[in-house]
PDB file of N, CA and C in Angstrom:
ATOM      1  N   MET A   1     231.954  32.451 219.147  1.00  0.00           N
ATOM      2  CA  MET A   1     230.672  32.092 218.555  1.00  0.00           C
ATOM      3  C   MET A   1     229.870  33.379 218.338  1.00  0.00           C
ATOM      4  N   PRO A   2     229.342  33.573 217.130  1.00  0.00           N
ATOM      5  CA  PRO A   2     228.566  34.792 216.862  1.00  0.00           C
ATOM      6  C   PRO A   2     227.337  34.889 217.759  1.00  0.00           C
ATOM      7  N   ILE A   3     227.003  36.116 218.107  1.00  0.00           N
ATOM      8  CA  ILE A   3     225.863  36.353 219.001  1.00  0.00           C
ATOM      9  C   ILE A   3     224.687  36.930 218.214  1.00  0.00           C
ATOM     10  N   ASP A   4     223.523  36.851 218.819  1.00  0.00           N
ATOM     11  CA  ASP A   4     222.309  37.450 218.276  1.00  0.00           C
ATOM     12  C   ASP A   4     222.267  38.892 218.754  1.00  0.00           C
ATOM     13  N   ALA A   5     222.377  39.841 217.829  1.00  0.00           N
ATOM     14  CA  ALA A   5     222.454  41.263 218.183  1.00  0.00           C
ATOM     15  C   ALA A   5     221.148  41.818 218.730  1.00  0.00           C
ATOM     16  N   THR A   6     220.083  41.023 218.716  1.00  0.00           N
ATOM     17  CA  THR A   6     218.808  41.495 219.269  1.00  0.00           C
ATOM     18  C   THR A   6     218.615  41.053 220.717  1.00  0.00           C
ATOM     19  N   GLN A   7     219.576  40.297 221.264  1.00  0.00           N
ATOM     20  CA  GLN A   7     219.461  39.828 222.641  1.00  0.00           C
ATOM     21  C   GLN A   7     219.595  41.003 223.615  1.00  0.00           C
ATOM     22  N   PRO A   8     219.089  40.854 224.816  1.00  0.00           N
ATOM     23  CA  PRO A   8     219.263  41.916 225.825  1.00  0.00           C
ATOM     24  C   PRO A   8     220.739  42.083 226.170  1.00  0.00           C
ATOM     25  N   TYR A   9     221.090  43.258 226.651  1.00  0.00           N
ATOM     26  CA  TYR A   9     222.475  43.533 227.030  1.00  0.00           C
ATOM     27  C   TYR A   9     222.885  42.655 228.200  1.00  0.00           C
ATOM     28  N   ASP A  10     224.063  42.045 228.091  1.00  0.00           N
ATOM     29  CA  ASP A  10     224.628  41.189 229.141  1.00  0.00           C
ATOM     30  C   ASP A  10     225.737  41.965 229.841  1.00  0.00           C
ATOM     31  N   ASP A  11     225.494  42.407 231.069  1.00  0.00           N
ATOM     32  CA  ASP A  11     226.486  43.233 231.762  1.00  0.00           C
ATOM     33  C   ASP A  11     227.691  42.431 232.267  1.00  0.00           C
ATOM     34  N   GLN A  12     227.752  41.146 231.927  1.00  0.00           N
ATOM     35  CA  GLN A  12     228.916  40.327 232.263  1.00  0.00           C
ATOM     36  C   GLN A  12     229.820  40.080 231.057  1.00  0.00           C
ATOM     37  N   ASN A  13     229.533  40.754 229.930  1.00  0.00           N
ATOM     38  CA  ASN A  13     230.396  40.573 228.760  1.00  0.00           C
ATOM     39  C   ASN A  13     231.767  41.207 229.039  1.00  0.00           C
ATOM     40  N   ILE A  14     232.770  40.770 228.283  1.00  0.00           N
ATOM     41  CA  ILE A  14     234.148  41.190 228.549  1.00  0.00           C
ATOM     42  C   ILE A  14     234.324  42.706 228.473  1.00  0.00           C
ATOM     43  N   PHE A  15     233.622  43.384 227.543  1.00  0.00           N
ATOM     44  CA  PHE A  15     233.798  44.831 227.422  1.00  0.00           C
ATOM     45  C   PHE A  15     233.138  45.571 228.580  1.00  0.00           C
ATOM     46  N   ALA A  16     232.035  45.054 229.094  1.00  0.00           N
ATOM     47  CA  ALA A  16     231.425  45.649 230.285  1.00  0.00           C
ATOM     48  C   ALA A  16     232.386  45.535 231.466  1.00  0.00           C
ATOM     49  N   LYS A  17     233.067  44.409 231.564  1.00  0.00           N
ATOM     50  CA  LYS A  17     234.041  44.213 232.640  1.00  0.00           C
ATOM     51  C   LYS A  17     235.248  45.132 232.474  1.00  0.00           C
ATOM     52  N   ILE A  18     235.680  45.362 231.233  1.00  0.00           N
ATOM     53  CA  ILE A  18     236.774  46.307 230.980  1.00  0.00           C
ATOM     54  C   ILE A  18     236.334  47.711 231.375  1.00  0.00           C
ATOM     55  N   LEU A  19     235.115  48.093 231.009  1.00  0.00           N
ATOM     56  CA  LEU A  19     234.604  49.422 231.373  1.00  0.00           C
ATOM     57  C   LEU A  19     234.597  49.623 232.885  1.00  0.00           C
ATOM     58  N   ARG A  20     234.253  48.571 233.637  1.00  0.00           N
ATOM     59  CA  ARG A  20     234.198  48.664 235.105  1.00  0.00           C
ATOM     60  C   ARG A  20     235.577  48.516 235.745  1.00  0.00           C
ATOM     61  N   GLY A  21     236.604  48.235 234.950  1.00  0.00           N
ATOM     62  CA  GLY A  21     237.948  48.060 235.490  1.00  0.00           C
ATOM     63  C   GLY A  21     238.191  46.698 236.101  1.00  0.00           C
ATOM     64  N   GLU A  22     237.302  45.728 235.851  1.00  0.00           N
ATOM     65  CA  GLU A  22     237.463  44.381 236.403  1.00  0.00           C
ATOM     66  C   GLU A  22     238.474  43.563 235.606  1.00  0.00           C
ATOM     67  N   ILE A  23     238.679  43.924 234.351  1.00  0.00           N
ATOM     68  CA  ILE A  23     239.649  43.268 233.475  1.00  0.00           C
ATOM     69  C   ILE A  23     240.567  44.371 232.959  1.00  0.00           C
ATOM     70  N   PRO A  24     241.880  44.166 233.015  1.00  0.00           N
ATOM     71  CA  PRO A  24     242.795  45.214 232.537  1.00  0.00           C
ATOM     72  C   PRO A  24     242.742  45.359 231.023  1.00  0.00           C
ATOM     73  N   SER A  25     243.066  46.548 230.560  1.00  0.00           N
ATOM     74  CA  SER A  25     243.182  46.806 229.124  1.00  0.00           C
ATOM     75  C   SER A  25     244.252  47.871 228.937  1.00  0.00           C
ATOM     76  N   LYS A  26     244.853  47.875 227.773  1.00  0.00           N
ATOM     77  CA  LYS A  26     245.854  48.878 227.437  1.00  0.00           C
ATOM     78  C   LYS A  26     245.123  50.017 226.730  1.00  0.00           C
ATOM     79  N   ARG A  27     244.605  50.957 227.537  1.00  0.00           N
ATOM     80  CA  ARG A  27     243.782  52.041 227.005  1.00  0.00           C
ATOM     81  C   ARG A  27     244.625  53.079 226.291  1.00  0.00           C
ATOM     82  N   VAL A  28     244.063  53.566 225.186  1.00  0.00           N
ATOM     83  CA  VAL A  28     244.723  54.615 224.418  1.00  0.00           C
ATOM     84  C   VAL A  28     243.869  55.874 224.338  1.00  0.00           C
ATOM     85  N   TYR A  29     242.612  55.782 224.786  1.00  0.00           N
ATOM     86  CA  TYR A  29     241.696  56.921 224.700  1.00  0.00           C
ATOM     87  C   TYR A  29     240.583  56.701 225.716  1.00  0.00           C
ATOM     88  N   GLU A  30     240.104  57.816 226.274  1.00  0.00           N
ATOM     89  CA  GLU A  30     239.011  57.734 227.236  1.00  0.00           C
ATOM     90  C   GLU A  30     238.353  59.101 227.329  1.00  0.00           C
ATOM     91  N   ASP A  31     237.028  59.141 227.241  1.00  0.00           N
ATOM     92  CA  ASP A  31     236.275  60.363 227.500  1.00  0.00           C
ATOM     93  C   ASP A  31     234.919  59.984 228.083  1.00  0.00           C
ATOM     94  N   ASP A  32     233.992  60.920 228.124  1.00  0.00           N
ATOM     95  CA  ASP A  32     232.690  60.659 228.729  1.00  0.00           C
ATOM     96  C   ASP A  32     231.843  59.670 227.943  1.00  0.00           C
ATOM     97  N   PHE A  33     232.164  59.460 226.662  1.00  0.00           N
ATOM     98  CA  PHE A  33     231.315  58.653 225.797  1.00  0.00           C
ATOM     99  C   PHE A  33     231.917  57.314 225.396  1.00  0.00           C
ATOM    100  N   ALA A  34     233.244  57.205 225.432  1.00  0.00           N
ATOM    101  CA  ALA A  34     233.876  56.002 224.888  1.00  0.00           C
ATOM    102  C   ALA A  34     235.225  55.758 225.534  1.00  0.00           C
ATOM    103  N   ILE A  35     235.687  54.519 225.370  1.00  0.00           N
ATOM    104  CA  ILE A  35     237.073  54.192 225.667  1.00  0.00           C
ATOM    105  C   ILE A  35     237.617  53.431 224.464  1.00  0.00           C
ATOM    106  N   ALA A  36     238.935  53.462 224.308  1.00  0.00           N
ATOM    107  CA  ALA A  36     239.593  52.702 223.251  1.00  0.00           C
ATOM    108  C   ALA A  36     240.806  52.017 223.846  1.00  0.00           C
ATOM    109  N   PHE A  37     241.086  50.832 223.348  1.00  0.00           N
ATOM    110  CA  PHE A  37     242.190  50.044 223.870  1.00  0.00           C
ATOM    111  C   PHE A  37     242.692  49.097 222.798  1.00  0.00           C
ATOM    112  N   HIS A  38     243.900  48.582 223.014  1.00  0.00           N
ATOM    113  CA  HIS A  38     244.498  47.628 222.087  1.00  0.00           C
ATOM    114  C   HIS A  38     243.764  46.295 222.159  1.00  0.00           C
ATOM    115  N   ASP A  39     243.531  45.697 220.993  1.00  0.00           N
ATOM    116  CA  ASP A  39     242.946  44.364 220.928  1.00  0.00           C
ATOM    117  C   ASP A  39     243.974  43.365 221.467  1.00  0.00           C
ATOM    118  N   ILE A  40     243.531  42.404 222.261  1.00  0.00           N
ATOM    119  CA  ILE A  40     244.472  41.430 222.834  1.00  0.00           C
ATOM    120  C   ILE A  40     244.934  40.397 221.809  1.00  0.00           C
ATOM    121  N   ASN A  41     244.253  40.324 220.667  1.00  0.00           N
ATOM    122  CA  ASN A  41     244.634  39.398 219.594  1.00  0.00           C
ATOM    123  C   ASN A  41     244.675  40.187 218.289  1.00  0.00           C
ATOM    124  N   PRO A  42     245.676  41.074 218.133  1.00  0.00           N
ATOM    125  CA  PRO A  42     245.681  41.985 216.988  1.00  0.00           C
ATOM    126  C   PRO A  42     245.731  41.275 215.641  1.00  0.00           C
ATOM    127  N   GLN A  43     244.937  41.798 214.708  1.00  0.00           N
ATOM    128  CA  GLN A  43     244.869  41.259 213.360  1.00  0.00           C
ATOM    129  C   GLN A  43     245.593  42.162 212.353  1.00  0.00           C
ATOM    130  N   ALA A  44     246.249  43.206 212.842  1.00  0.00           N
ATOM    131  CA  ALA A  44     246.977  44.160 212.011  1.00  0.00           C
ATOM    132  C   ALA A  44     248.046  44.814 212.895  1.00  0.00           C
ATOM    133  N   PRO A  45     249.031  45.485 212.285  1.00  0.00           N
ATOM    134  CA  PRO A  45     250.043  46.157 213.105  1.00  0.00           C
ATOM    135  C   PRO A  45     249.425  47.122 214.132  1.00  0.00           C
ATOM    136  N   THR A  46     248.385  47.833 213.750  1.00  0.00           N
ATOM    137  CA  THR A  46     247.602  48.625 214.697  1.00  0.00           C
ATOM    138  C   THR A  46     246.196  48.041 214.709  1.00  0.00           C
ATOM    139  N   HIS A  47     245.731  47.607 215.867  1.00  0.00           N
ATOM    140  CA  HIS A  47     244.377  47.059 215.997  1.00  0.00           C
ATOM    141  C   HIS A  47     243.825  47.533 217.337  1.00  0.00           C
ATOM    142  N   LEU A  48     242.967  48.541 217.258  1.00  0.00           N
ATOM    143  CA  LEU A  48     242.358  49.140 218.440  1.00  0.00           C
ATOM    144  C   LEU A  48     240.866  48.865 218.440  1.00  0.00           C
ATOM    145  N   LEU A  49     240.287  48.833 219.616  1.00  0.00           N
ATOM    146  CA  LEU A  49     238.835  48.706 219.767  1.00  0.00           C
ATOM    147  C   LEU A  49     238.316  49.978 220.421  1.00  0.00           C
ATOM    148  N   VAL A  50     237.222  50.498 219.893  1.00  0.00           N
ATOM    149  CA  VAL A  50     236.561  51.654 220.482  1.00  0.00           C
ATOM    150  C   VAL A  50     235.167  51.199 220.891  1.00  0.00           C
ATOM    151  N   ILE A  51     234.823  51.426 222.157  1.00  0.00           N
ATOM    152  CA  ILE A  51     233.513  51.001 222.662  1.00  0.00           C
ATOM    153  C   ILE A  51     232.821  52.164 223.360  1.00  0.00           C
ATOM    154  N   PRO A  52     231.506  52.247 223.208  1.00  0.00           N
ATOM    155  CA  PRO A  52     230.784  53.272 223.960  1.00  0.00           C
ATOM    156  C   PRO A  52     230.710  52.883 225.430  1.00  0.00           C
ATOM    157  N   ARG A  53     230.595  53.874 226.284  1.00  0.00           N
ATOM    158  CA  ARG A  53     230.448  53.591 227.719  1.00  0.00           C
ATOM    159  C   ARG A  53     229.062  53.030 228.043  1.00  0.00           C
ATOM    160  N   GLY A  54     228.093  53.343 227.211  1.00  0.00           N
ATOM    161  CA  GLY A  54     226.724  52.880 227.446  1.00  0.00           C
ATOM    162  C   GLY A  54     226.541  51.409 227.119  1.00  0.00           C
ATOM    163  N   ALA A  55     225.485  50.839 227.653  1.00  0.00           N
ATOM    164  CA  ALA A  55     225.170  49.416 227.497  1.00  0.00           C
ATOM    165  C   ALA A  55     224.377  49.179 226.216  1.00  0.00           C
ATOM    166  N   TYR A  56     225.105  49.017 225.107  1.00  0.00           N
ATOM    167  CA  TYR A  56     224.479  48.790 223.806  1.00  0.00           C
ATOM    168  C   TYR A  56     225.032  47.509 223.205  1.00  0.00           C
ATOM    169  N   VAL A  57     224.141  46.642 222.742  1.00  0.00           N
ATOM    170  CA  VAL A  57     224.553  45.363 222.174  1.00  0.00           C
ATOM    171  C   VAL A  57     225.176  45.544 220.791  1.00  0.00           C
ATOM    172  N   SER A  58     224.573  46.409 219.977  1.00  0.00           N
ATOM    173  CA  SER A  58     224.974  46.483 218.574  1.00  0.00           C
ATOM    174  C   SER A  58     224.801  47.899 218.035  1.00  0.00           C
ATOM    175  N   TRP A  59     225.220  48.081 216.790  1.00  0.00           N
ATOM    176  CA  TRP A  59     225.031  49.377 216.130  1.00  0.00           C
ATOM    177  C   TRP A  59     223.546  49.697 216.045  1.00  0.00           C
ATOM    178  N   ASP A  60     222.725  48.703 215.753  1.00  0.00           N
ATOM    179  CA  ASP A  60     221.285  48.914 215.673  1.00  0.00           C
ATOM    180  C   ASP A  60     220.730  49.390 217.015  1.00  0.00           C
ATOM    181  N   ASP A  61     221.098  48.716 218.079  1.00  0.00           N
ATOM    182  CA  ASP A  61     220.672  49.074 219.429  1.00  0.00           C
ATOM    183  C   ASP A  61     221.125  50.501 219.766  1.00  0.00           C
ATOM    184  N   PHE A  62     222.374  50.800 219.494  1.00  0.00           N
ATOM    185  CA  PHE A  62     222.956  52.113 219.779  1.00  0.00           C
ATOM    186  C   PHE A  62     222.252  53.218 218.996  1.00  0.00           C
ATOM    187  N   SER A  63     222.086  53.018 217.695  1.00  0.00           N
ATOM    188  CA  SER A  63     221.484  54.062 216.862  1.00  0.00           C
ATOM    189  C   SER A  63     220.011  54.281 217.193  1.00  0.00           C
ATOM    190  N   ALA A  64     219.347  53.274 217.727  1.00  0.00           N
ATOM    191  CA  ALA A  64     217.928  53.406 218.085  1.00  0.00           C
ATOM    192  C   ALA A  64     217.721  54.003 219.474  1.00  0.00           C
ATOM    193  N   ARG A  65     218.633  53.738 220.425  1.00  0.00           N
ATOM    194  CA  ARG A  65     218.383  54.128 221.816  1.00  0.00           C
ATOM    195  C   ARG A  65     219.277  55.218 222.384  1.00  0.00           C
ATOM    196  N   ALA A  66     220.458  55.387 221.846  1.00  0.00           N
ATOM    197  CA  ALA A  66     221.400  56.349 222.443  1.00  0.00           C
ATOM    198  C   ALA A  66     220.947  57.781 222.169  1.00  0.00           C
ATOM    199  N   PRO A  67     221.141  58.671 223.143  1.00  0.00           N
ATOM    200  CA  PRO A  67     220.856  60.093 222.908  1.00  0.00           C
ATOM    201  C   PRO A  67     221.819  60.655 221.859  1.00  0.00           C
ATOM    202  N   ASP A  68     221.375  61.706 221.176  1.00  0.00           N
ATOM    203  CA  ASP A  68     222.182  62.305 220.111  1.00  0.00           C
ATOM    204  C   ASP A  68     223.588  62.659 220.575  1.00  0.00           C
ATOM    205  N   ALA A  69     223.733  63.206 221.776  1.00  0.00           N
ATOM    206  CA  ALA A  69     225.061  63.592 222.271  1.00  0.00           C
ATOM    207  C   ALA A  69     225.967  62.375 222.411  1.00  0.00           C
ATOM    208  N   GLU A  70     225.404  61.261 222.817  1.00  0.00           N
ATOM    209  CA  GLU A  70     226.201  60.042 222.984  1.00  0.00           C
ATOM    210  C   GLU A  70     226.628  59.485 221.619  1.00  0.00           C
ATOM    211  N   ILE A  71     225.732  59.538 220.645  1.00  0.00           N
ATOM    212  CA  ILE A  71     226.073  59.086 219.288  1.00  0.00           C
ATOM    213  C   ILE A  71     227.191  59.958 218.725  1.00  0.00           C
ATOM    214  N   ALA A  72     227.023  61.269 218.812  1.00  0.00           N
ATOM    215  CA  ALA A  72     228.057  62.181 218.303  1.00  0.00           C
ATOM    216  C   ALA A  72     229.371  61.978 219.042  1.00  0.00           C
ATOM    217  N   GLY A  73     229.321  61.822 220.349  1.00  0.00           N
ATOM    218  CA  GLY A  73     230.531  61.629 221.141  1.00  0.00           C
ATOM    219  C   GLY A  73     231.265  60.356 220.771  1.00  0.00           C
ATOM    220  N   PHE A  74     230.523  59.287 220.530  1.00  0.00           N
ATOM    221  CA  PHE A  74     231.149  58.019 220.161  1.00  0.00           C
ATOM    222  C   PHE A  74     231.815  58.121 218.788  1.00  0.00           C
ATOM    223  N   ILE A  75     231.110  58.699 217.829  1.00  0.00           N
ATOM    224  CA  ILE A  75     231.672  58.840 216.480  1.00  0.00           C
ATOM    225  C   ILE A  75     232.913  59.728 216.517  1.00  0.00           C
ATOM    226  N   ARG A  76     232.858  60.799 217.295  1.00  0.00           N
ATOM    227  CA  ARG A  76     234.039  61.663 217.437  1.00  0.00           C
ATOM    228  C   ARG A  76     235.192  60.900 218.090  1.00  0.00           C
ATOM    229  N   ALA A  77     234.884  60.033 219.038  1.00  0.00           N
ATOM    230  CA  ALA A  77     235.926  59.238 219.695  1.00  0.00           C
ATOM    231  C   ALA A  77     236.631  58.327 218.695  1.00  0.00           C
ATOM    232  N   VAL A  78     235.868  57.697 217.807  1.00  0.00           N
ATOM    233  CA  VAL A  78     236.478  56.822 216.799  1.00  0.00           C
ATOM    234  C   VAL A  78     237.462  57.624 215.952  1.00  0.00           C
ATOM    235  N   GLY A  79     237.043  58.816 215.520  1.00  0.00           N
ATOM    236  CA  GLY A  79     237.936  59.668 214.733  1.00  0.00           C
ATOM    237  C   GLY A  79     239.164  60.101 215.512  1.00  0.00           C
ATOM    238  N   ALA A  80     238.974  60.458 216.776  1.00  0.00           N
ATOM    239  CA  ALA A  80     240.099  60.895 217.609  1.00  0.00           C
ATOM    240  C   ALA A  80     241.109  59.769 217.805  1.00  0.00           C
ATOM    241  N   VAL A  81     240.628  58.551 217.965  1.00  0.00           N
ATOM    242  CA  VAL A  81     241.504  57.397 218.144  1.00  0.00           C
ATOM    243  C   VAL A  81     242.342  57.167 216.888  1.00  0.00           C
ATOM    244  N   ALA A  82     241.711  57.222 215.731  1.00  0.00           N
ATOM    245  CA  ALA A  82     242.445  57.028 214.470  1.00  0.00           C
ATOM    246  C   ALA A  82     243.485  58.130 214.278  1.00  0.00           C
ATOM    247  N   ARG A  83     243.114  59.374 214.561  1.00  0.00           N
ATOM    248  CA  ARG A  83     244.068  60.485 214.435  1.00  0.00           C
ATOM    249  C   ARG A  83     245.237  60.314 215.392  1.00  0.00           C
ATOM    250  N   ALA A  84     244.957  59.998 216.642  1.00  0.00           N
ATOM    251  CA  ALA A  84     246.009  59.859 217.652  1.00  0.00           C
ATOM    252  C   ALA A  84     246.964  58.716 217.314  1.00  0.00           C
ATOM    253  N   ALA A  85     246.452  57.679 216.634  1.00  0.00           N
ATOM    254  CA  ALA A  85     247.292  56.542 216.253  1.00  0.00           C
ATOM    255  C   ALA A  85     248.076  56.813 214.967  1.00  0.00           C
ATOM    256  N   GLY A  86     247.873  58.005 214.378  1.00  0.00           N
ATOM    257  CA  GLY A  86     248.590  58.351 213.153  1.00  0.00           C
ATOM    258  C   GLY A  86     248.111  57.612 211.920  1.00  0.00           C
ATOM    259  N   LEU A  87     246.831  57.264 211.894  1.00  0.00           N
ATOM    260  CA  LEU A  87     246.316  56.423 210.816  1.00  0.00           C
ATOM    261  C   LEU A  87     245.614  57.186 209.688  1.00  0.00           C
ATOM    262  N   VAL A  88     245.337  58.474 209.882  1.00  0.00           N
ATOM    263  CA  VAL A  88     244.572  59.199 208.871  1.00  0.00           C
ATOM    264  C   VAL A  88     245.278  59.127 207.518  1.00  0.00           C
ATOM    265  N   GLU A  89     246.556  59.366 207.522  1.00  0.00           N
ATOM    266  CA  GLU A  89     247.358  59.186 206.315  1.00  0.00           C
ATOM    267  C   GLU A  89     248.445  58.191 206.705  1.00  0.00           C
ATOM    268  N   PRO A  90     248.479  57.035 206.193  1.00  0.00           N
ATOM    269  CA  PRO A  90     248.086  56.566 204.875  1.00  0.00           C
ATOM    270  C   PRO A  90     246.704  55.917 204.777  1.00  0.00           C
ATOM    271  N   GLY A  91     245.954  55.842 205.858  1.00  0.00           N
ATOM    272  CA  GLY A  91     244.611  55.270 205.811  1.00  0.00           C
ATOM    273  C   GLY A  91     244.429  54.136 206.798  1.00  0.00           C
ATOM    274  N   TYR A  92     243.177  53.774 207.005  1.00  0.00           N
ATOM    275  CA  TYR A  92     242.849  52.729 207.967  1.00  0.00           C
ATOM    276  C   TYR A  92     241.500  52.129 207.616  1.00  0.00           C
ATOM    277  N   ARG A  93     241.128  51.087 208.325  1.00  0.00           N
ATOM    278  CA  ARG A  93     239.840  50.425 208.121  1.00  0.00           C
ATOM    279  C   ARG A  93     239.096  50.380 209.444  1.00  0.00           C
ATOM    280  N   LEU A  94     237.792  50.669 209.369  1.00  0.00           N
ATOM    281  CA  LEU A  94     236.887  50.505 210.510  1.00  0.00           C
ATOM    282  C   LEU A  94     236.016  49.291 210.243  1.00  0.00           C
ATOM    283  N   LEU A  95     235.741  48.531 211.304  1.00  0.00           N
ATOM    284  CA  LEU A  95     234.891  47.352 211.169  1.00  0.00           C
ATOM    285  C   LEU A  95     234.037  47.220 212.416  1.00  0.00           C
ATOM    286  N   ALA A  96     232.743  47.050 212.212  1.00  0.00           N
ATOM    287  CA  ALA A  96     231.833  46.739 213.316  1.00  0.00           C
ATOM    288  C   ALA A  96     231.037  45.511 212.901  1.00  0.00           C
ATOM    289  N   ASN A  97     231.266  44.405 213.568  1.00  0.00           N
ATOM    290  CA  ASN A  97     230.529  43.171 213.290  1.00  0.00           C
ATOM    291  C   ASN A  97     229.226  43.201 214.073  1.00  0.00           C
ATOM    292  N   ILE A  98     228.119  42.944 213.379  1.00  0.00           N
ATOM    293  CA  ILE A  98     226.809  43.007 214.020  1.00  0.00           C
ATOM    294  C   ILE A  98     226.069  41.691 213.817  1.00  0.00           C
ATOM    295  N   GLY A  99     225.680  41.061 214.913  1.00  0.00           N
ATOM    296  CA  GLY A  99     224.849  39.861 214.860  1.00  0.00           C
ATOM    297  C   GLY A  99     225.551  38.636 214.308  1.00  0.00           C
ATOM    298  N   GLN A 100     224.761  37.595 214.124  1.00  0.00           N
ATOM    299  CA  GLN A 100     225.297  36.302 213.715  1.00  0.00           C
ATOM    300  C   GLN A 100     225.928  36.339 212.326  1.00  0.00           C
ATOM    301  N   HIS A 101     225.256  36.927 211.361  1.00  0.00           N
ATOM    302  CA  HIS A 101     225.812  36.964 210.006  1.00  0.00           C
ATOM    303  C   HIS A 101     227.053  37.853 209.941  1.00  0.00           C
ATOM    304  N   GLY A 102     227.145  38.853 210.802  1.00  0.00           N
ATOM    305  CA  GLY A 102     228.313  39.727 210.850  1.00  0.00           C
ATOM    306  C   GLY A 102     229.433  39.170 211.715  1.00  0.00           C
ATOM    307  N   ASN A 103     229.182  38.009 212.357  1.00  0.00           N
ATOM    308  CA  ASN A 103     230.163  37.327 213.208  1.00  0.00           C
ATOM    309  C   ASN A 103     230.527  38.138 214.457  1.00  0.00           C
ATOM    310  N   GLN A 104     229.541  38.840 215.030  1.00  0.00           N
ATOM    311  CA  GLN A 104     229.775  39.578 216.279  1.00  0.00           C
ATOM    312  C   GLN A 104     229.989  38.574 217.408  1.00  0.00           C
ATOM    313  N   GLU A 105     231.093  38.728 218.139  1.00  0.00           N
ATOM    314  CA  GLU A 105     231.430  37.784 219.197  1.00  0.00           C
ATOM    315  C   GLU A 105     231.202  38.324 220.599  1.00  0.00           C
ATOM    316  N   VAL A 106     231.245  39.634 220.782  1.00  0.00           N
ATOM    317  CA  VAL A 106     231.027  40.233 222.099  1.00  0.00           C
ATOM    318  C   VAL A 106     229.763  41.081 222.021  1.00  0.00           C
ATOM    319  N   PRO A 107     228.788  40.857 222.905  1.00  0.00           N
ATOM    320  CA  PRO A 107     227.519  41.572 222.826  1.00  0.00           C
ATOM    321  C   PRO A 107     227.564  42.985 223.426  1.00  0.00           C
ATOM    322  N   HIS A 108     228.557  43.744 222.994  1.00  0.00           N
ATOM    323  CA  HIS A 108     228.675  45.167 223.342  1.00  0.00           C
ATOM    324  C   HIS A 108     229.182  45.838 222.069  1.00  0.00           C
ATOM    325  N   LEU A 109     228.492  46.885 221.621  1.00  0.00           N
ATOM    326  CA  LEU A 109     228.926  47.565 220.409  1.00  0.00           C
ATOM    327  C   LEU A 109     230.404  47.901 220.493  1.00  0.00           C
ATOM    328  N   HIS A 110     231.132  47.594 219.433  1.00  0.00           N
ATOM    329  CA  HIS A 110     232.542  47.949 219.357  1.00  0.00           C
ATOM    330  C   HIS A 110     232.940  48.125 217.907  1.00  0.00           C
ATOM    331  N   VAL A 111     233.870  49.047 217.706  1.00  0.00           N
ATOM    332  CA  VAL A 111     234.411  49.310 216.383  1.00  0.00           C
ATOM    333  C   VAL A 111     235.893  48.962 216.414  1.00  0.00           C
ATOM    334  N   HIS A 112     236.294  48.124 215.461  1.00  0.00           N
ATOM    335  CA  HIS A 112     237.701  47.805 215.286  1.00  0.00           C
ATOM    336  C   HIS A 112     238.321  48.898 214.419  1.00  0.00           C
ATOM    337  N   VAL A 113     239.502  49.366 214.807  1.00  0.00           N
ATOM    338  CA  VAL A 113     240.275  50.313 214.008  1.00  0.00           C
ATOM    339  C   VAL A 113     241.557  49.584 213.625  1.00  0.00           C
ATOM    340  N   PHE A 114     241.691  49.297 212.318  1.00  0.00           N
ATOM    341  CA  PHE A 114     242.848  48.580 211.802  1.00  0.00           C
ATOM    342  C   PHE A 114     243.733  49.537 211.021  1.00  0.00           C
ATOM    343  N   GLY A 115     245.035  49.433 211.187  1.00  0.00           N
ATOM    344  CA  GLY A 115     245.958  50.252 210.413  1.00  0.00           C
ATOM    345  C   GLY A 115     247.334  49.651 210.384  1.00  0.00           C
ATOM    346  N   GLY A 116     248.233  50.347 209.690  1.00  0.00           N
ATOM    347  CA  GLY A 116     249.624  49.941 209.667  1.00  0.00           C
ATOM    348  C   GLY A 116     250.050  49.128 208.468  1.00  0.00           C
ATOM    349  N   ARG A 117     249.118  48.807 207.574  1.00  0.00           N
ATOM    350  CA  ARG A 117     249.453  48.089 206.349  1.00  0.00           C
ATOM    351  C   ARG A 117     248.271  48.194 205.383  1.00  0.00           C
ATOM    352  N   PRO A 118     248.502  47.922 204.086  1.00  0.00           N
ATOM    353  CA  PRO A 118     247.379  47.858 203.139  1.00  0.00           C
ATOM    354  C   PRO A 118     246.515  46.644 203.442  1.00  0.00           C
ATOM    355  N   PHE A 119     245.214  46.762 203.276  1.00  0.00           N
ATOM    356  CA  PHE A 119     244.300  45.659 203.613  1.00  0.00           C
ATOM    357  C   PHE A 119     243.665  44.964 202.424  1.00  0.00           C
ATOM    358  N   GLY A 120     243.794  45.506 201.243  1.00  0.00           N
ATOM    359  CA  GLY A 120     243.219  44.843 200.074  1.00  0.00           C
ATOM    360  C   GLY A 120     241.704  44.973 200.051  1.00  0.00           C
ATOM    361  N   PRO A 121     241.040  44.104 199.272  1.00  0.00           N
ATOM    362  CA  PRO A 121     239.580  44.188 199.126  1.00  0.00           C
ATOM    363  C   PRO A 121     238.865  44.031 200.464  1.00  0.00           C
ATOM    364  N   MET A 122     237.693  44.643 200.552  1.00  0.00           N
ATOM    365  CA  MET A 122     236.928  44.609 201.790  1.00  0.00           C
ATOM    366  C   MET A 122     236.470  43.191 202.128  1.00  0.00           C
ATOM    367  N   LEU A 123     235.959  42.454 201.144  1.00  0.00           N
ATOM    368  CA  LEU A 123     235.490  41.097 201.372  1.00  0.00           C
ATOM    369  C   LEU A 123     236.163  40.145 200.408  1.00  0.00           C
ATOM    370  N   ALA A 124     236.398  38.920 200.844  1.00  0.00           N
ATOM    371  CA  ALA A 124     236.954  37.907 199.932  1.00  0.00           C
ATOM    372  C   ALA A 124     235.930  37.641 198.839  1.00  0.00           C
ATOM    373  N   ARG A 125     236.413  37.483 197.645  1.00  0.00           N
ATOM    374  CA  ARG A 125     235.505  37.259 196.509  1.00  0.00           C
ATOM    375  C   ARG A 125     235.419  35.800 196.180  1.00  0.00           C
TER     376      ARG A 125
END
């Protein structure tokens, strides 16, 4: 069910639990700013999630409250994950669902990294 991206951060969301090590994940990247792991319900041959370590509900929340170093570190992490997965060539798709209209399901900022096949148009017409 889509969430309201303006709600307060819920430290019991699944990604907060993954960050604390309460729920296992198949991690592929980890640094001071972010972790990345395989999606448990992959929608593409390569489907990774990159999440900031900080408690941010959405891209809006993150861009408004995170310190510059954390923003830069997170963006660099997304790039590092795509490079490490070998997705730069032939290409990949990034997706961040925000709020109800964006169909955000977990109230912790996360970026999906999809690769391994052509994806076609961005939105159904």
